[in-house]
Amino acid sequence: MKEEYIKMRNSGVVNWQLLYTYATEHGMTLDPQAFIQGVQFVDVNKVLDQIDHEYGLTLLYDKEGKFIKIVE
């Protein structure tokens, strides 16, 4: 899961199916449709920051603070 997550982060495109899988592996019981509806009300960047921290990832930013990629 971690490798797939890193690929998603480095692509710059959020894979909602991957995040759903992550959430269900961590105890969430919503069905996929309810999950998709619910994430519309969540700050996705905060969720990604939390997962980045959980996985112990190092993020690389340019001098303007724009995300470049995850490095291990």
C-alpha atoms as a PDB file:
ATOM      1  CA  MET A   1       0.000   0.000   0.000  1.00  0.00           C
ATOM      2  CA  LYS A   2       2.819   2.414   0.860  1.00  0.00           C
ATOM      3  CA  GLU A   3       4.442   2.074  -2.577  1.00  0.00           C
ATOM      4  CA  GLU A   4       1.111   2.641  -4.328  1.00  0.00           C
ATOM      5  CA  TYR A   5       0.485   5.675  -2.148  1.00  0.00           C
ATOM      6  CA  ILE A   6       3.902   7.147  -2.997  1.00  0.00           C
ATOM      7  CA  LYS A   7       3.220   6.651  -6.717  1.00  0.00           C
ATOM      8  CA  MET A   8      -0.122   8.422  -6.329  1.00  0.00           C
ATOM      9  CA  ARG A   9       1.435  11.341  -4.434  1.00  0.00           C
ATOM     10  CA  ASN A  10       4.244  11.725  -6.951  1.00  0.00           C
ATOM     11  CA  SER A  11       1.771  11.665  -9.854  1.00  0.00           C
ATOM     12  CA  GLY A  12      -0.082  14.658  -8.391  1.00  0.00           C
ATOM     13  CA  VAL A  13      -3.455  12.974  -8.978  1.00  0.00           C
ATOM     14  CA  VAL A  14      -5.550  11.767  -6.046  1.00  0.00           C
ATOM     15  CA  ASN A  15      -6.650   8.148  -6.455  1.00  0.00           C
ATOM     16  CA  TRP A  16      -9.884   7.954  -4.483  1.00  0.00           C
ATOM     17  CA  GLN A  17      -9.987   4.160  -4.724  1.00  0.00           C
ATOM     18  CA  LEU A  18      -6.567   3.946  -3.094  1.00  0.00           C
ATOM     19  CA  LEU A  19      -7.646   6.305  -0.305  1.00  0.00           C
ATOM     20  CA  TYR A  20     -10.828   4.257   0.165  1.00  0.00           C
ATOM     21  CA  THR A  21      -8.732   1.102   0.500  1.00  0.00           C
ATOM     22  CA  TYR A  22      -6.485   2.861   3.011  1.00  0.00           C
ATOM     23  CA  ALA A  23      -9.500   4.027   5.018  1.00  0.00           C
ATOM     24  CA  THR A  24     -11.117   0.584   5.098  1.00  0.00           C
ATOM     25  CA  GLU A  25      -7.815  -0.960   6.203  1.00  0.00           C
ATOM     26  CA  HIS A  26      -7.890   1.490   9.106  1.00  0.00           C
ATOM     27  CA  GLY A  27     -11.416   0.640  10.249  1.00  0.00           C
ATOM     28  CA  MET A  28     -13.723   2.756   8.103  1.00  0.00           C
ATOM     29  CA  THR A  29     -16.981   0.960   7.298  1.00  0.00           C
ATOM     30  CA  LEU A  30     -18.618   3.269   4.744  1.00  0.00           C
ATOM     31  CA  ASP A  31     -19.484   1.911   1.333  1.00  0.00           C
ATOM     32  CA  PRO A  32     -17.571   3.424  -1.627  1.00  0.00           C
ATOM     33  CA  GLN A  33     -20.415   5.766  -2.645  1.00  0.00           C
ATOM     34  CA  ALA A  34     -20.778   7.205   0.863  1.00  0.00           C
ATOM     35  CA  PHE A  35     -16.998   7.609   1.064  1.00  0.00           C
ATOM     36  CA  ILE A  36     -16.880   9.580  -2.207  1.00  0.00           C
ATOM     37  CA  GLN A  37     -19.721  11.800  -1.024  1.00  0.00           C
ATOM     38  CA  GLY A  38     -18.051  12.352   2.353  1.00  0.00           C
ATOM     39  CA  VAL A  39     -14.613  13.309   1.068  1.00  0.00           C
ATOM     40  CA  GLN A  40     -16.142  16.339  -0.613  1.00  0.00           C
ATOM     41  CA  PHE A  41     -16.327  17.885   2.872  1.00  0.00           C
ATOM     42  CA  VAL A  42     -12.795  17.014   3.974  1.00  0.00           C
ATOM     43  CA  ASP A  43      -9.566  18.957   3.468  1.00  0.00           C
ATOM     44  CA  VAL A  44      -7.767  16.380   1.320  1.00  0.00           C
ATOM     45  CA  ASN A  45      -4.395  18.030   1.962  1.00  0.00           C
ATOM     46  CA  LYS A  46      -4.784  17.391   5.692  1.00  0.00           C
ATOM     47  CA  VAL A  47      -5.620  13.751   5.012  1.00  0.00           C
ATOM     48  CA  LEU A  48      -2.583  13.399   2.747  1.00  0.00           C
ATOM     49  CA  ASP A  49      -0.369  15.102   5.350  1.00  0.00           C
ATOM     50  CA  GLN A  50      -1.581  12.638   7.976  1.00  0.00           C
ATOM     51  CA  ILE A  51      -0.845   9.628   5.750  1.00  0.00           C
ATOM     52  CA  ASP A  52       2.548  11.099   4.778  1.00  0.00           C
ATOM     53  CA  HIS A  53       3.381  11.359   8.481  1.00  0.00           C
ATOM     54  CA  GLU A  54       2.094   7.864   9.271  1.00  0.00           C
ATOM     55  CA  TYR A  55       4.293   6.378   6.546  1.00  0.00           C
ATOM     56  CA  GLY A  56       7.268   8.510   7.647  1.00  0.00           C
ATOM     57  CA  LEU A  57       7.683  10.047   4.197  1.00  0.00           C
ATOM     58  CA  THR A  58       9.960  12.926   3.274  1.00  0.00           C
ATOM     59  CA  LEU A  59       8.436  15.495   0.942  1.00  0.00           C
ATOM     60  CA  LEU A  60      10.523  17.618  -1.388  1.00  0.00           C
ATOM     61  CA  TYR A  61       9.355  21.184  -2.125  1.00  0.00           C
ATOM     62  CA  ASP A  62      10.739  23.855  -4.429  1.00  0.00           C
ATOM     63  CA  LYS A  63      11.790  27.259  -3.097  1.00  0.00           C
ATOM     64  CA  GLU A  64       8.244  28.615  -3.582  1.00  0.00           C
ATOM     65  CA  GLY A  65       6.853  25.836  -1.388  1.00  0.00           C
ATOM     66  CA  LYS A  66       5.343  23.829  -4.249  1.00  0.00           C
ATOM     67  CA  PHE A  67       5.356  20.066  -3.767  1.00  0.00           C
ATOM     68  CA  ILE A  68       7.818  18.300  -6.088  1.00  0.00           C
ATOM     69  CA  LYS A  69       7.823  14.680  -4.970  1.00  0.00           C
ATOM     70  CA  ILE A  70       8.226  12.229  -2.133  1.00  0.00           C
ATOM     71  CA  VAL A  71      11.749  10.967  -1.531  1.00  0.00           C
ATOM     72  CA  GLU A  72      12.705   7.998   0.627  1.00  0.00           C
END
